[in-house]
Structures are given as structure tokens and as C-alpha cells.
Amino acid sequence: MSYFSISNVSKFYNDLPALLPFSLEMEQGEFLAIVGESGSGKSTLLKIMAGLEVQDAGEVFLEGQPILNPNQKIVSGYDEIRLIHQNFHLYPNSTVEENISRQLLHYEKKYAKSRVEHLLKLL
């Protein structure tokens, strides 16, 4: 069983497809970049993955447990899933490492440091 999985998730707005059936499996510690043209469903997918949007079909699981949508739980979102928007506020007097690290402060220091090192290697 994978750490995070999406199975045939789709979403429609006013009968127009925002996200056609999509599936994905990830292991713990993997990073995922969603890339596509404007209007291709990236934001919709990420909101569904984070439990912030209700999908019309399909299922999303984190550690084998279904990710509940906002209609099914009191508090939206999951600590294990972070969204960084394209207009992300950067701190001009901080380094690249410090800007990235701010998003990881909620994690154990050892884990956060290894993630930052991995991200910096990708730059």
C-alpha cells in the first residue's frame, strides 16, 4: 500500500470537466510537482488532494485512510500536505533555504532539514 494515493478522481463545475479521471500513487518523502497549462485542473487536483475541495468521483487516501473533504470534517486540510501558491510571498532578506524552510517548520527538524537539502539540490 502506498503512503498517498488517488484513484480515478474527477471534478466538474457546471457540467464542464475541471479534472478528468486521475490516479496517482506516492511513497512517503516523495515530492510532486503539478505542471500544466492554465485551466488544466492543477489547482482543483491540489485542493482535492489536501481535503479542501469535494471531488465528484474517485477516492483519495493518506496512509490507507480516506482523506475527508470539507463536508465530512470540522477542520479542513492535512498537516502532511502543503500547498504553495504561485504568488507565494518570499522574504526578500532571507536566503532561498530560509524561504523554503519556513513551510517546513511544522515538521520534525531532522526531517525538515533533509527536505530542504533535497530541494536545494534541485535548484
PDB file of N, CA and C in Angstrom:
ATOM      1  N   MET A   1       0.839  -1.170   0.000  1.00  0.00           N
ATOM      2  CA  MET A   1       0.000   0.000   0.000  1.00  0.00           C
ATOM      3  C   MET A   1       0.895   1.248   0.000  1.00  0.00           C
ATOM      4  N   SER A   2       0.578   2.218  -0.834  1.00  0.00           N
ATOM      5  CA  SER A   2       1.362   3.439  -0.908  1.00  0.00           C
ATOM      6  C   SER A   2       0.955   4.398   0.204  1.00  0.00           C
ATOM      7  N   TYR A   3       1.823   5.360   0.487  1.00  0.00           N
ATOM      8  CA  TYR A   3       1.569   6.340   1.543  1.00  0.00           C
ATOM      9  C   TYR A   3       0.408   7.259   1.168  1.00  0.00           C
ATOM     10  N   PHE A   4       0.380   7.675  -0.097  1.00  0.00           N
ATOM     11  CA  PHE A   4      -0.663   8.587  -0.576  1.00  0.00           C
ATOM     12  C   PHE A   4      -1.138   8.087  -1.933  1.00  0.00           C
ATOM     13  N   SER A   5      -2.446   7.968  -2.110  1.00  0.00           N
ATOM     14  CA  SER A   5      -2.936   7.501  -3.405  1.00  0.00           C
ATOM     15  C   SER A   5      -4.227   8.220  -3.790  1.00  0.00           C
ATOM     16  N   ILE A   6      -4.374   8.384  -5.091  1.00  0.00           N
ATOM     17  CA  ILE A   6      -5.559   8.979  -5.688  1.00  0.00           C
ATOM     18  C   ILE A   6      -6.053   7.974  -6.711  1.00  0.00           C
ATOM     19  N   SER A   7      -7.329   7.689  -6.672  1.00  0.00           N
ATOM     20  CA  SER A   7      -7.883   6.703  -7.594  1.00  0.00           C
ATOM     21  C   SER A   7      -9.075   7.277  -8.344  1.00  0.00           C
ATOM     22  N   ASN A   8      -8.892   7.484  -9.643  1.00  0.00           N
ATOM     23  CA  ASN A   8      -9.959   7.933 -10.555  1.00  0.00           C
ATOM     24  C   ASN A   8     -10.737   9.151 -10.055  1.00  0.00           C
ATOM     25  N   VAL A   9     -10.010  10.152  -9.564  1.00  0.00           N
ATOM     26  CA  VAL A   9     -10.644  11.375  -9.066  1.00  0.00           C
ATOM     27  C   VAL A   9     -11.017  12.274 -10.240  1.00  0.00           C
ATOM     28  N   SER A  10     -12.233  12.806 -10.194  1.00  0.00           N
ATOM     29  CA  SER A  10     -12.670  13.753 -11.225  1.00  0.00           C
ATOM     30  C   SER A  10     -13.525  14.841 -10.581  1.00  0.00           C
ATOM     31  N   LYS A  11     -13.619  15.972 -11.281  1.00  0.00           N
ATOM     32  CA  LYS A  11     -14.381  17.112 -10.770  1.00  0.00           C
ATOM     33  C   LYS A  11     -14.979  17.876 -11.945  1.00  0.00           C
ATOM     34  N   PHE A  12     -16.231  18.279 -11.785  1.00  0.00           N
ATOM     35  CA  PHE A  12     -16.938  19.069 -12.796  1.00  0.00           C
ATOM     36  C   PHE A  12     -17.478  20.341 -12.153  1.00  0.00           C
ATOM     37  N   TYR A  13     -17.470  21.421 -12.902  1.00  0.00           N
ATOM     38  CA  TYR A  13     -18.108  22.665 -12.497  1.00  0.00           C
ATOM     39  C   TYR A  13     -19.145  23.011 -13.561  1.00  0.00           C
ATOM     40  N   ASN A  14     -20.407  23.066 -13.169  1.00  0.00           N
ATOM     41  CA  ASN A  14     -21.486  23.358 -14.123  1.00  0.00           C
ATOM     42  C   ASN A  14     -21.414  22.466 -15.352  1.00  0.00           C
ATOM     43  N   ASP A  15     -21.262  21.176 -15.150  1.00  0.00           N
ATOM     44  CA  ASP A  15     -21.185  20.172 -16.220  1.00  0.00           C
ATOM     45  C   ASP A  15     -19.949  20.287 -17.107  1.00  0.00           C
ATOM     46  N   LEU A  16     -19.018  21.174 -16.763  1.00  0.00           N
ATOM     47  CA  LEU A  16     -17.763  21.284 -17.511  1.00  0.00           C
ATOM     48  C   LEU A  16     -16.671  20.570 -16.716  1.00  0.00           C
ATOM     49  N   PRO A  17     -15.892  19.705 -17.392  1.00  0.00           N
ATOM     50  CA  PRO A  17     -14.856  18.968 -16.658  1.00  0.00           C
ATOM     51  C   PRO A  17     -13.703  19.879 -16.234  1.00  0.00           C
ATOM     52  N   ALA A  18     -13.443  19.920 -14.931  1.00  0.00           N
ATOM     53  CA  ALA A  18     -12.283  20.647 -14.412  1.00  0.00           C
ATOM     54  C   ALA A  18     -11.120  19.680 -14.226  1.00  0.00           C
ATOM     55  N   LEU A  19     -11.459  18.410 -13.985  1.00  0.00           N
ATOM     56  CA  LEU A  19     -10.450  17.374 -13.781  1.00  0.00           C
ATOM     57  C   LEU A  19     -11.031  16.050 -14.245  1.00  0.00           C
ATOM     58  N   LEU A  20     -10.434  15.505 -15.296  1.00  0.00           N
ATOM     59  CA  LEU A  20     -10.864  14.202 -15.803  1.00  0.00           C
ATOM     60  C   LEU A  20     -10.281  13.116 -14.908  1.00  0.00           C
ATOM     61  N   PRO A  21     -10.817  11.898 -14.930  1.00  0.00           N
ATOM     62  CA  PRO A  21     -10.346  10.860 -14.014  1.00  0.00           C
ATOM     63  C   PRO A  21      -8.819  10.784 -13.953  1.00  0.00           C
ATOM     64  N   PHE A  22      -8.306  10.904 -12.737  1.00  0.00           N
ATOM     65  CA  PHE A  22      -6.870  10.991 -12.490  1.00  0.00           C
ATOM     66  C   PHE A  22      -6.507  10.055 -11.348  1.00  0.00           C
ATOM     67  N   SER A  23      -5.402   9.323 -11.521  1.00  0.00           N
ATOM     68  CA  SER A  23      -4.918   8.412 -10.483  1.00  0.00           C
ATOM     69  C   SER A  23      -3.432   8.638 -10.254  1.00  0.00           C
ATOM     70  N   LEU A  24      -2.981   8.369  -9.026  1.00  0.00           N
ATOM     71  CA  LEU A  24      -1.591   8.609  -8.650  1.00  0.00           C
ATOM     72  C   LEU A  24      -1.282   7.833  -7.382  1.00  0.00           C
ATOM     73  N   GLU A  25      -0.042   7.348  -7.254  1.00  0.00           N
ATOM     74  CA  GLU A  25       0.421   6.738  -6.010  1.00  0.00           C
ATOM     75  C   GLU A  25       1.780   7.319  -5.668  1.00  0.00           C
ATOM     76  N   MET A  26       1.958   7.644  -4.378  1.00  0.00           N
ATOM     77  CA  MET A  26       3.217   8.216  -3.902  1.00  0.00           C
ATOM     78  C   MET A  26       3.652   7.516  -2.625  1.00  0.00           C
ATOM     79  N   GLU A  27       4.958   7.458  -2.424  1.00  0.00           N
ATOM     80  CA  GLU A  27       5.511   6.925  -1.184  1.00  0.00           C
ATOM     81  C   GLU A  27       5.886   8.091  -0.271  1.00  0.00           C
ATOM     82  N   GLN A  28       5.994   7.839   1.016  1.00  0.00           N
ATOM     83  CA  GLN A  28       6.336   8.872   1.977  1.00  0.00           C
ATOM     84  C   GLN A  28       7.696   9.483   1.635  1.00  0.00           C
ATOM     85  N   GLY A  29       7.793  10.805   1.700  1.00  0.00           N
ATOM     86  CA  GLY A  29       9.036  11.516   1.421  1.00  0.00           C
ATOM     87  C   GLY A  29       9.198  11.942  -0.026  1.00  0.00           C
ATOM     88  N   GLU A  30       8.363  11.453  -0.923  1.00  0.00           N
ATOM     89  CA  GLU A  30       8.443  11.865  -2.325  1.00  0.00           C
ATOM     90  C   GLU A  30       7.871  13.269  -2.485  1.00  0.00           C
ATOM     91  N   PHE A  31       8.391  14.002  -3.457  1.00  0.00           N
ATOM     92  CA  PHE A  31       7.876  15.317  -3.805  1.00  0.00           C
ATOM     93  C   PHE A  31       7.138  15.201  -5.125  1.00  0.00           C
ATOM     94  N   LEU A  32       6.135  16.025  -5.298  1.00  0.00           N
ATOM     95  CA  LEU A  32       5.345  16.012  -6.512  1.00  0.00           C
ATOM     96  C   LEU A  32       5.188  17.432  -7.019  1.00  0.00           C
ATOM     97  N   ALA A  33       5.448  17.637  -8.281  1.00  0.00           N
ATOM     98  CA  ALA A  33       5.217  18.936  -8.917  1.00  0.00           C
ATOM     99  C   ALA A  33       4.102  18.748  -9.939  1.00  0.00           C
ATOM    100  N   ILE A  34       3.086  19.571  -9.842  1.00  0.00           N
ATOM    101  CA  ILE A  34       1.967  19.527 -10.782  1.00  0.00           C
ATOM    102  C   ILE A  34       2.183  20.654 -11.783  1.00  0.00           C
ATOM    103  N   VAL A  35       2.338  20.291 -13.044  1.00  0.00           N
ATOM    104  CA  VAL A  35       2.630  21.263 -14.093  1.00  0.00           C
ATOM    105  C   VAL A  35       1.591  21.135 -15.195  1.00  0.00           C
ATOM    106  N   GLY A  36       1.128  22.255 -15.714  1.00  0.00           N
ATOM    107  CA  GLY A  36       0.160  22.226 -16.804  1.00  0.00           C
ATOM    108  C   GLY A  36      -0.283  23.619 -17.180  1.00  0.00           C
ATOM    109  N   GLU A  37      -0.995  23.686 -18.262  1.00  0.00           N
ATOM    110  CA  GLU A  37      -1.486  24.981 -18.744  1.00  0.00           C
ATOM    111  C   GLU A  37      -2.555  25.525 -17.817  1.00  0.00           C
ATOM    112  N   SER A  38      -2.804  26.806 -17.914  1.00  0.00           N
ATOM    113  CA  SER A  38      -3.860  27.447 -17.154  1.00  0.00           C
ATOM    114  C   SER A  38      -5.193  26.776 -17.485  1.00  0.00           C
ATOM    115  N   GLY A  39      -5.962  26.444 -16.453  1.00  0.00           N
ATOM    116  CA  GLY A  39      -7.257  25.805 -16.661  1.00  0.00           C
ATOM    117  C   GLY A  39      -7.205  24.305 -16.841  1.00  0.00           C
ATOM    118  N   SER A  40      -6.037  23.688 -16.642  1.00  0.00           N
ATOM    119  CA  SER A  40      -5.917  22.242 -16.869  1.00  0.00           C
ATOM    120  C   SER A  40      -6.302  21.399 -15.654  1.00  0.00           C
ATOM    121  N   GLY A  41      -6.638  22.035 -14.513  1.00  0.00           N
ATOM    122  CA  GLY A  41      -7.097  21.292 -13.351  1.00  0.00           C
ATOM    123  C   GLY A  41      -6.082  21.150 -12.233  1.00  0.00           C
ATOM    124  N   LYS A  42      -4.945  21.841 -12.331  1.00  0.00           N
ATOM    125  CA  LYS A  42      -3.899  21.721 -11.311  1.00  0.00           C
ATOM    126  C   LYS A  42      -4.403  22.130  -9.924  1.00  0.00           C
ATOM    127  N   SER A  43      -4.968  23.309  -9.824  1.00  0.00           N
ATOM    128  CA  SER A  43      -5.444  23.807  -8.526  1.00  0.00           C
ATOM    129  C   SER A  43      -6.570  22.939  -7.985  1.00  0.00           C
ATOM    130  N   THR A  44      -7.450  22.520  -8.841  1.00  0.00           N
ATOM    131  CA  THR A  44      -8.551  21.649  -8.416  1.00  0.00           C
ATOM    132  C   THR A  44      -7.999  20.348  -7.850  1.00  0.00           C
ATOM    133  N   LEU A  45      -7.048  19.737  -8.546  1.00  0.00           N
ATOM    134  CA  LEU A  45      -6.429  18.500  -8.078  1.00  0.00           C
ATOM    135  C   LEU A  45      -5.773  18.701  -6.716  1.00  0.00           C
ATOM    136  N   LEU A  46      -4.988  19.764  -6.569  1.00  0.00           N
ATOM    137  CA  LEU A  46      -4.288  20.009  -5.310  1.00  0.00           C
ATOM    138  C   LEU A  46      -5.262  20.254  -4.159  1.00  0.00           C
ATOM    139  N   LYS A  47      -6.348  20.957  -4.416  1.00  0.00           N
ATOM    140  CA  LYS A  47      -7.345  21.194  -3.369  1.00  0.00           C
ATOM    141  C   LYS A  47      -8.024  19.885  -2.954  1.00  0.00           C
ATOM    142  N   ILE A  48      -8.290  19.025  -3.912  1.00  0.00           N
ATOM    143  CA  ILE A  48      -8.879  17.713  -3.597  1.00  0.00           C
ATOM    144  C   ILE A  48      -7.875  16.883  -2.794  1.00  0.00           C
ATOM    145  N   MET A  49      -6.615  16.893  -3.214  1.00  0.00           N
ATOM    146  CA  MET A  49      -5.575  16.139  -2.518  1.00  0.00           C
ATOM    147  C   MET A  49      -5.436  16.584  -1.067  1.00  0.00           C
ATOM    148  N   ALA A  50      -5.613  17.872  -0.814  1.00  0.00           N
ATOM    149  CA  ALA A  50      -5.450  18.418   0.538  1.00  0.00           C
ATOM    150  C   ALA A  50      -6.722  18.324   1.365  1.00  0.00           C
ATOM    151  N   GLY A  51      -7.807  17.839   0.777  1.00  0.00           N
ATOM    152  CA  GLY A  51      -9.058  17.738   1.508  1.00  0.00           C
ATOM    153  C   GLY A  51      -9.806  19.053   1.607  1.00  0.00           C
ATOM    154  N   LEU A  52      -9.485  19.988   0.732  1.00  0.00           N
ATOM    155  CA  LEU A  52     -10.121  21.306   0.757  1.00  0.00           C
ATOM    156  C   LEU A  52     -11.248  21.444  -0.251  1.00  0.00           C
ATOM    157  N   GLU A  53     -11.362  20.481  -1.161  1.00  0.00           N
ATOM    158  CA  GLU A  53     -12.375  20.507  -2.226  1.00  0.00           C
ATOM    159  C   GLU A  53     -13.022  19.133  -2.302  1.00  0.00           C
ATOM    160  N   VAL A  54     -14.283  19.097  -2.673  1.00  0.00           N
ATOM    161  CA  VAL A  54     -15.017  17.833  -2.802  1.00  0.00           C
ATOM    162  C   VAL A  54     -14.943  17.347  -4.250  1.00  0.00           C
ATOM    163  N   GLN A  55     -14.429  16.132  -4.463  1.00  0.00           N
ATOM    164  CA  GLN A  55     -14.402  15.554  -5.806  1.00  0.00           C
ATOM    165  C   GLN A  55     -15.776  14.988  -6.145  1.00  0.00           C
ATOM    166  N   ASP A  56     -16.077  14.895  -7.434  1.00  0.00           N
ATOM    167  CA  ASP A  56     -17.338  14.315  -7.876  1.00  0.00           C
ATOM    168  C   ASP A  56     -17.271  12.794  -7.942  1.00  0.00           C
ATOM    169  N   ALA A  57     -16.090  12.268  -8.168  1.00  0.00           N
ATOM    170  CA  ALA A  57     -15.905  10.818  -8.237  1.00  0.00           C
ATOM    171  C   ALA A  57     -14.486  10.494  -7.805  1.00  0.00           C
ATOM    172  N   GLY A  58     -14.263   9.245  -7.444  1.00  0.00           N
ATOM    173  CA  GLY A  58     -12.933   8.786  -7.072  1.00  0.00           C
ATOM    174  C   GLY A  58     -12.660   8.906  -5.585  1.00  0.00           C
ATOM    175  N   GLU A  59     -11.464   8.428  -5.198  1.00  0.00           N
ATOM    176  CA  GLU A  59     -11.088   8.405  -3.786  1.00  0.00           C
ATOM    177  C   GLU A  59      -9.657   8.868  -3.604  1.00  0.00           C
ATOM    178  N   VAL A  60      -9.378   9.451  -2.426  1.00  0.00           N
ATOM    179  CA  VAL A  60      -8.039   9.898  -2.053  1.00  0.00           C
ATOM    180  C   VAL A  60      -7.718   9.292  -0.695  1.00  0.00           C
ATOM    181  N   PHE A  61      -6.521   8.688  -0.575  1.00  0.00           N
ATOM    182  CA  PHE A  61      -6.129   8.028   0.663  1.00  0.00           C
ATOM    183  C   PHE A  61      -4.771   8.531   1.140  1.00  0.00           C
ATOM    184  N   LEU A  62      -4.646   8.717   2.449  1.00  0.00           N
ATOM    185  CA  LEU A  62      -3.390   9.051   3.103  1.00  0.00           C
ATOM    186  C   LEU A  62      -3.155   7.976   4.151  1.00  0.00           C
ATOM    187  N   GLU A  63      -2.065   7.218   4.006  1.00  0.00           N
ATOM    188  CA  GLU A  63      -1.745   6.086   4.879  1.00  0.00           C
ATOM    189  C   GLU A  63      -2.905   5.099   4.977  1.00  0.00           C
ATOM    190  N   GLY A  64      -3.558   4.858   3.847  1.00  0.00           N
ATOM    191  CA  GLY A  64      -4.634   3.887   3.797  1.00  0.00           C
ATOM    192  C   GLY A  64      -5.980   4.379   4.300  1.00  0.00           C
ATOM    193  N   GLN A  65      -6.022   5.588   4.825  1.00  0.00           N
ATOM    194  CA  GLN A  65      -7.262   6.163   5.334  1.00  0.00           C
ATOM    195  C   GLN A  65      -7.797   7.185   4.340  1.00  0.00           C
ATOM    196  N   PRO A  66      -9.105   7.215   4.102  1.00  0.00           N
ATOM    197  CA  PRO A  66      -9.639   8.187   3.147  1.00  0.00           C
ATOM    198  C   PRO A  66      -9.446   9.622   3.636  1.00  0.00           C
ATOM    199  N   ILE A  67      -9.036  10.492   2.727  1.00  0.00           N
ATOM    200  CA  ILE A  67      -8.961  11.920   3.039  1.00  0.00           C
ATOM    201  C   ILE A  67     -10.379  12.446   2.954  1.00  0.00           C
ATOM    202  N   LEU A  68     -10.817  13.006   4.033  1.00  0.00           N
ATOM    203  CA  LEU A  68     -12.167  13.529   4.096  1.00  0.00           C
ATOM    204  C   LEU A  68     -12.220  14.928   3.496  1.00  0.00           C
ATOM    205  N   ASN A  69     -13.324  15.233   2.859  1.00  0.00           N
ATOM    206  CA  ASN A  69     -13.467  16.558   2.253  1.00  0.00           C
ATOM    207  C   ASN A  69     -14.111  17.511   3.263  1.00  0.00           C
ATOM    208  N   PRO A  70     -14.196  18.802   2.935  1.00  0.00           N
ATOM    209  CA  PRO A  70     -14.721  19.779   3.893  1.00  0.00           C
ATOM    210  C   PRO A  70     -16.141  19.485   4.380  1.00  0.00           C
ATOM    211  N   ASN A  71     -16.926  18.741   3.613  1.00  0.00           N
ATOM    212  CA  ASN A  71     -18.283  18.405   4.040  1.00  0.00           C
ATOM    213  C   ASN A  71     -18.305  17.309   5.102  1.00  0.00           C
ATOM    214  N   GLN A  72     -17.169  16.621   5.283  1.00  0.00           N
ATOM    215  CA  GLN A  72     -17.133  15.471   6.178  1.00  0.00           C
ATOM    216  C   GLN A  72     -16.339  15.713   7.462  1.00  0.00           C
ATOM    217  N   LYS A  73     -15.729  16.882   7.601  1.00  0.00           N
ATOM    218  CA  LYS A  73     -14.915  17.123   8.789  1.00  0.00           C
ATOM    219  C   LYS A  73     -15.034  18.566   9.242  1.00  0.00           C
ATOM    220  N   ILE A  74     -14.637  18.810  10.453  1.00  0.00           N
ATOM    221  CA  ILE A  74     -14.772  20.148  11.029  1.00  0.00           C
ATOM    222  C   ILE A  74     -13.654  21.064  10.562  1.00  0.00           C
ATOM    223  N   VAL A  75     -12.411  20.578  10.539  1.00  0.00           N
ATOM    224  CA  VAL A  75     -11.252  21.409  10.182  1.00  0.00           C
ATOM    225  C   VAL A  75     -10.711  20.935   8.840  1.00  0.00           C
ATOM    226  N   SER A  76     -10.608  21.847   7.880  1.00  0.00           N
ATOM    227  CA  SER A  76     -10.108  21.493   6.549  1.00  0.00           C
ATOM    228  C   SER A  76      -8.599  21.349   6.549  1.00  0.00           C
ATOM    229  N   GLY A  77      -8.091  20.549   5.634  1.00  0.00           N
ATOM    230  CA  GLY A  77      -6.659  20.429   5.392  1.00  0.00           C
ATOM    231  C   GLY A  77      -5.986  19.357   6.235  1.00  0.00           C
ATOM    232  N   TYR A  78      -4.806  18.950   5.796  1.00  0.00           N
ATOM    233  CA  TYR A  78      -3.996  17.949   6.463  1.00  0.00           C
ATOM    234  C   TYR A  78      -2.589  18.497   6.636  1.00  0.00           C
ATOM    235  N   ASP A  79      -1.999  18.339   7.821  1.00  0.00           N
ATOM    236  CA  ASP A  79      -0.656  18.852   8.083  1.00  0.00           C
ATOM    237  C   ASP A  79       0.392  18.238   7.162  1.00  0.00           C
ATOM    238  N   GLU A  80       0.174  16.996   6.716  1.00  0.00           N
ATOM    239  CA  GLU A  80       1.158  16.314   5.883  1.00  0.00           C
ATOM    240  C   GLU A  80       1.191  16.843   4.456  1.00  0.00           C
ATOM    241  N   ILE A  81       0.202  17.626   4.071  1.00  0.00           N
ATOM    242  CA  ILE A  81       0.088  18.106   2.699  1.00  0.00           C
ATOM    243  C   ILE A  81       0.176  19.619   2.709  1.00  0.00           C
ATOM    244  N   ARG A  82       1.123  20.183   1.969  1.00  0.00           N
ATOM    245  CA  ARG A  82       1.330  21.627   1.924  1.00  0.00           C
ATOM    246  C   ARG A  82       1.138  22.131   0.501  1.00  0.00           C
ATOM    247  N   LEU A  83       0.405  23.228   0.370  1.00  0.00           N
ATOM    248  CA  LEU A  83       0.244  23.891  -0.917  1.00  0.00           C
ATOM    249  C   LEU A  83       1.006  25.204  -0.865  1.00  0.00           C
ATOM    250  N   ILE A  84       1.809  25.456  -1.881  1.00  0.00           N
ATOM    251  CA  ILE A  84       2.485  26.740  -2.018  1.00  0.00           C
ATOM    252  C   ILE A  84       1.967  27.344  -3.307  1.00  0.00           C
ATOM    253  N   HIS A  85       1.271  28.448  -3.190  1.00  0.00           N
ATOM    254  CA  HIS A  85       0.643  29.064  -4.350  1.00  0.00           C
ATOM    255  C   HIS A  85       1.662  29.788  -5.217  1.00  0.00           C
ATOM    256  N   GLN A  86       1.314  30.015  -6.471  1.00  0.00           N
ATOM    257  CA  GLN A  86       2.246  30.629  -7.408  1.00  0.00           C
ATOM    258  C   GLN A  86       2.614  32.051  -7.001  1.00  0.00           C
ATOM    259  N   ASN A  87       1.773  32.719  -6.246  1.00  0.00           N
ATOM    260  CA  ASN A  87       2.076  34.061  -5.770  1.00  0.00           C
ATOM    261  C   ASN A  87       2.573  34.007  -4.327  1.00  0.00           C
ATOM    262  N   PHE A  88       3.337  32.989  -4.023  1.00  0.00           N
ATOM    263  CA  PHE A  88       3.882  32.755  -2.695  1.00  0.00           C
ATOM    264  C   PHE A  88       4.724  33.950  -2.274  1.00  0.00           C
ATOM    265  N   HIS A  89       4.523  34.412  -1.044  1.00  0.00           N
ATOM    266  CA  HIS A  89       5.264  35.563  -0.528  1.00  0.00           C
ATOM    267  C   HIS A  89       6.672  35.140  -0.132  1.00  0.00           C
ATOM    268  N   LEU A  90       7.668  35.713  -0.779  1.00  0.00           N
ATOM    269  CA  LEU A  90       9.056  35.451  -0.422  1.00  0.00           C
ATOM    270  C   LEU A  90       9.547  36.555   0.502  1.00  0.00           C
ATOM    271  N   TYR A  91      10.400  36.188   1.426  1.00  0.00           N
ATOM    272  CA  TYR A  91      11.008  37.156   2.330  1.00  0.00           C
ATOM    273  C   TYR A  91      12.297  37.651   1.674  1.00  0.00           C
ATOM    274  N   PRO A  92      12.342  38.924   1.243  1.00  0.00           N
ATOM    275  CA  PRO A  92      13.457  39.435   0.448  1.00  0.00           C
ATOM    276  C   PRO A  92      14.803  39.417   1.160  1.00  0.00           C
ATOM    277  N   ASN A  93      14.810  39.470   2.485  1.00  0.00           N
ATOM    278  CA  ASN A  93      16.084  39.476   3.217  1.00  0.00           C
ATOM    279  C   ASN A  93      16.490  38.080   3.673  1.00  0.00           C
ATOM    280  N   SER A  94      15.797  37.062   3.171  1.00  0.00           N
ATOM    281  CA  SER A  94      16.097  35.678   3.528  1.00  0.00           C
ATOM    282  C   SER A  94      16.724  34.960   2.342  1.00  0.00           C
ATOM    283  N   THR A  95      17.463  33.910   2.648  1.00  0.00           N
ATOM    284  CA  THR A  95      18.067  33.100   1.591  1.00  0.00           C
ATOM    285  C   THR A  95      17.011  32.179   0.995  1.00  0.00           C
ATOM    286  N   VAL A  96      17.363  31.508  -0.102  1.00  0.00           N
ATOM    287  CA  VAL A  96      16.460  30.525  -0.705  1.00  0.00           C
ATOM    288  C   VAL A  96      16.138  29.445   0.321  1.00  0.00           C
ATOM    289  N   GLU A  97      17.164  28.969   1.012  1.00  0.00           N
ATOM    290  CA  GLU A  97      16.965  27.925   2.022  1.00  0.00           C
ATOM    291  C   GLU A  97      16.000  28.378   3.114  1.00  0.00           C
ATOM    292  N   GLU A  98      16.155  29.606   3.588  1.00  0.00           N
ATOM    293  CA  GLU A  98      15.272  30.109   4.646  1.00  0.00           C
ATOM    294  C   GLU A  98      13.831  30.240   4.153  1.00  0.00           C
ATOM    295  N   ASN A  99      13.640  30.695   2.910  1.00  0.00           N
ATOM    296  CA  ASN A  99      12.293  30.816   2.360  1.00  0.00           C
ATOM    297  C   ASN A  99      11.618  29.456   2.248  1.00  0.00           C
ATOM    298  N   ILE A 100      12.350  28.449   1.795  1.00  0.00           N
ATOM    299  CA  ILE A 100      11.791  27.102   1.679  1.00  0.00           C
ATOM    300  C   ILE A 100      11.523  26.520   3.060  1.00  0.00           C
ATOM    301  N   SER A 101      12.440  26.740   3.985  1.00  0.00           N
ATOM    302  CA  SER A 101      12.331  26.166   5.325  1.00  0.00           C
ATOM    303  C   SER A 101      11.101  26.641   6.074  1.00  0.00           C
ATOM    304  N   ARG A 102      10.664  27.843   5.835  1.00  0.00           N
ATOM    305  CA  ARG A 102       9.501  28.369   6.552  1.00  0.00           C
ATOM    306  C   ARG A 102       8.290  27.446   6.404  1.00  0.00           C
ATOM    307  N   GLN A 103       8.116  26.842   5.232  1.00  0.00           N
ATOM    308  CA  GLN A 103       6.978  25.945   5.000  1.00  0.00           C
ATOM    309  C   GLN A 103       7.129  24.621   5.737  1.00  0.00           C
ATOM    310  N   LEU A 104       8.349  24.297   6.146  1.00  0.00           N
ATOM    311  CA  LEU A 104       8.605  23.003   6.771  1.00  0.00           C
ATOM    312  C   LEU A 104       8.757  23.082   8.286  1.00  0.00           C
ATOM    313  N   LEU A 105       8.507  24.249   8.872  1.00  0.00           N
ATOM    314  CA  LEU A 105       8.705  24.423  10.308  1.00  0.00           C
ATOM    315  C   LEU A 105       7.795  23.528  11.150  1.00  0.00           C
ATOM    316  N   HIS A 106       6.711  23.060  10.587  1.00  0.00           N
ATOM    317  CA  HIS A 106       5.776  22.235  11.337  1.00  0.00           C
ATOM    318  C   HIS A 106       6.250  20.788  11.464  1.00  0.00           C
ATOM    319  N   TYR A 107       7.316  20.435  10.749  1.00  0.00           N
ATOM    320  CA  TYR A 107       7.813  19.073  10.777  1.00  0.00           C
ATOM    321  C   TYR A 107       8.988  18.949  11.734  1.00  0.00           C
ATOM    322  N   GLU A 108       9.291  17.737  12.085  1.00  0.00           N
ATOM    323  CA  GLU A 108      10.452  17.453  12.916  1.00  0.00           C
ATOM    324  C   GLU A 108      11.691  18.068  12.261  1.00  0.00           C
ATOM    325  N   LYS A 109      12.581  18.662  13.047  1.00  0.00           N
ATOM    326  CA  LYS A 109      13.738  19.381  12.497  1.00  0.00           C
ATOM    327  C   LYS A 109      14.591  18.513  11.580  1.00  0.00           C
ATOM    328  N   LYS A 110      14.851  17.282  11.988  1.00  0.00           N
ATOM    329  CA  LYS A 110      15.691  16.389  11.177  1.00  0.00           C
ATOM    330  C   LYS A 110      15.065  16.160   9.809  1.00  0.00           C
ATOM    331  N   TYR A 111      13.740  15.910   9.777  1.00  0.00           N
ATOM    332  CA  TYR A 111      13.038  15.676   8.515  1.00  0.00           C
ATOM    333  C   TYR A 111      13.036  16.942   7.672  1.00  0.00           C
ATOM    334  N   ALA A 112      12.745  18.085   8.278  1.00  0.00           N
ATOM    335  CA  ALA A 112      12.689  19.356   7.549  1.00  0.00           C
ATOM    336  C   ALA A 112      14.038  19.672   6.929  1.00  0.00           C
ATOM    337  N   LYS A 113      15.131  19.464   7.675  1.00  0.00           N
ATOM    338  CA  LYS A 113      16.466  19.764   7.149  1.00  0.00           C
ATOM    339  C   LYS A 113      16.783  18.890   5.935  1.00  0.00           C
ATOM    340  N   SER A 114      16.446  17.611   5.989  1.00  0.00           N
ATOM    341  CA  SER A 114      16.723  16.730   4.850  1.00  0.00           C
ATOM    342  C   SER A 114      15.900  17.143   3.630  1.00  0.00           C
ATOM    343  N   ARG A 115      14.673  17.600   3.836  1.00  0.00           N
ATOM    344  CA  ARG A 115      13.812  18.050   2.728  1.00  0.00           C
ATOM    345  C   ARG A 115      14.374  19.312   2.106  1.00  0.00           C
ATOM    346  N   VAL A 116      14.839  20.246   2.915  1.00  0.00           N
ATOM    347  CA  VAL A 116      15.423  21.485   2.394  1.00  0.00           C
ATOM    348  C   VAL A 116      16.672  21.163   1.586  1.00  0.00           C
ATOM    349  N   GLU A 117      17.523  20.300   2.103  1.00  0.00           N
ATOM    350  CA  GLU A 117      18.733  19.912   1.366  1.00  0.00           C
ATOM    351  C   GLU A 117      18.369  19.295   0.022  1.00  0.00           C
ATOM    352  N   HIS A 118      17.347  18.462   0.010  1.00  0.00           N
ATOM    353  CA  HIS A 118      16.904  17.845  -1.244  1.00  0.00           C
ATOM    354  C   HIS A 118      16.382  18.903  -2.222  1.00  0.00           C
ATOM    355  N   LEU A 119      15.582  19.833  -1.723  1.00  0.00           N
ATOM    356  CA  LEU A 119      15.045  20.894  -2.593  1.00  0.00           C
ATOM    357  C   LEU A 119      16.155  21.768  -3.157  1.00  0.00           C
ATOM    358  N   LEU A 120      17.155  22.089  -2.344  1.00  0.00           N
ATOM    359  CA  LEU A 120      18.244  22.935  -2.816  1.00  0.00           C
ATOM    360  C   LEU A 120      19.051  22.237  -3.912  1.00  0.00           C
ATOM    361  N   LYS A 121      19.172  20.916  -3.842  1.00  0.00           N
ATOM    362  CA  LYS A 121      19.873  20.181  -4.897  1.00  0.00           C
ATOM    363  C   LYS A 121      19.136  20.269  -6.225  1.00  0.00           C
ATOM    364  N   LEU A 122      17.798  20.427  -6.160  1.00  0.00           N
ATOM    365  CA  LEU A 122      17.004  20.528  -7.376  1.00  0.00           C
ATOM    366  C   LEU A 122      17.105  21.884  -8.047  1.00  0.00           C
ATOM    367  N   LEU A 123      17.517  22.901  -7.297  1.00  0.00           N
ATOM    368  CA  LEU A 123      17.596  24.271  -7.855  1.00  0.00           C
ATOM    369  C   LEU A 123      18.768  24.443  -8.782  1.00  0.00           C
TER     370      LEU A 123
END
